[in-house]
């Protein structure tokens, strides 16, 4: 299966997480919404992550993070404004 990397933003009640998710290039689960709503997905693996506390703390970087899907309140593709 061919894959692609998509930069996404995920927010929990305490953090904003920006990182790369690997998705199929086309077809089933190739859209972020389909991927996140798949029933057997408990954790979202992300690489090249920037983790920012929503309470105003300093951002941290991580090479890998697995985010519990049950904690995700908001998710969308990252758009670079700069």
Protein backbone atom coordinates (compact mmCIF):
# COMPACT_ATOMS: atom_id res chain seq x y z
CA UNK A 1 0.00 0.00 0.00
CA UNK A 2 1.34 3.42 -0.94
CA UNK A 3 1.31 5.98 1.86
CA UNK A 4 1.71 9.70 2.31
CA UNK A 5 2.55 11.91 5.27
CA UNK A 6 0.14 14.62 6.34
CA UNK A 7 0.91 17.30 8.94
CA UNK A 8 -2.03 17.59 11.33
CA UNK A 9 -3.12 19.52 14.40
CA UNK A 10 -4.71 17.60 17.27
CA UNK A 11 -6.01 19.23 20.43
CA UNK A 12 -6.79 17.58 23.73
CA UNK A 13 -8.18 19.35 26.78
CA UNK A 14 -4.61 20.32 27.80
CA UNK A 15 -2.39 20.34 24.67
CA UNK A 16 -2.14 21.39 21.05
CA UNK A 17 -0.18 18.76 19.15
CA UNK A 18 1.19 19.35 15.66
CA UNK A 19 2.80 16.37 13.95
CA UNK A 20 2.98 14.06 10.94
CA UNK A 21 0.56 11.17 10.46
CA UNK A 22 1.00 8.45 7.83
CA UNK A 23 -2.12 7.89 5.73
CA UNK A 24 -2.86 5.77 2.65
CA UNK A 25 -2.18 7.68 -0.57
CA UNK A 26 -5.73 7.04 -1.83
CA UNK A 27 -8.83 5.01 -1.10
CA UNK A 28 -10.07 3.75 2.25
CA UNK A 29 -8.90 5.83 5.25
CA UNK A 30 -6.94 8.25 3.06
CA UNK A 31 -8.77 11.23 4.56
CA UNK A 32 -7.95 12.32 8.11
CA UNK A 33 -11.60 12.07 9.22
CA UNK A 34 -11.88 8.47 7.97
CA UNK A 35 -8.59 7.54 9.63
CA UNK A 36 -9.59 9.00 13.00
CA UNK A 37 -13.08 7.45 12.96
CA UNK A 38 -11.86 3.93 12.26
CA UNK A 39 -13.11 1.76 15.12
CA UNK A 40 -9.92 -0.18 15.86
CA UNK A 41 -7.72 2.89 16.29
CA UNK A 42 -6.96 3.50 19.98
CA UNK A 43 -3.83 5.60 19.54
CA UNK A 44 -2.76 8.00 16.80
CA UNK A 45 0.96 7.58 16.03
CA UNK A 46 2.62 10.90 15.19
CA UNK A 47 6.22 11.83 14.32
CA UNK A 48 8.12 15.14 14.32
CA UNK A 49 5.77 16.46 16.99
CA UNK A 50 5.48 19.89 18.59
CA UNK A 51 3.56 19.70 21.87
CA UNK A 52 2.24 22.98 23.26
CA UNK A 53 0.35 23.25 26.56
CA UNK A 54 -2.89 25.21 26.17
CA UNK A 55 -2.30 26.91 29.52
CA UNK A 56 0.56 28.94 28.03
CA UNK A 57 3.62 26.82 28.79
CA UNK A 58 6.62 26.42 26.49
CA UNK A 59 6.35 24.13 23.45
CA UNK A 60 8.32 20.89 23.40
CA UNK A 61 9.42 18.72 20.48
CA UNK A 62 9.27 14.94 20.30
CA UNK A 63 10.38 12.59 17.53
CA UNK A 64 7.41 10.26 18.24
CA UNK A 65 4.18 10.43 20.18
CA UNK A 66 1.12 8.19 20.40
CA UNK A 67 -1.99 10.23 21.21
CA UNK A 68 -5.00 8.45 22.71
CA UNK A 69 -7.88 8.92 20.30
CA UNK A 70 -10.30 9.13 23.23
CA UNK A 71 -8.58 12.36 24.36
CA UNK A 72 -8.81 14.13 21.00
CA UNK A 73 -11.29 16.99 21.02
CA UNK A 74 -10.30 18.62 17.72
CA UNK A 75 -8.26 17.51 14.69
CA UNK A 76 -7.57 19.11 11.33
CA UNK A 77 -4.89 19.26 8.61
CA UNK A 78 -2.13 21.75 9.39
CA UNK A 79 -2.03 24.86 7.21
CA UNK A 80 1.20 26.82 7.18
CA UNK A 81 0.30 30.51 7.28
CA UNK A 82 3.86 31.68 6.77
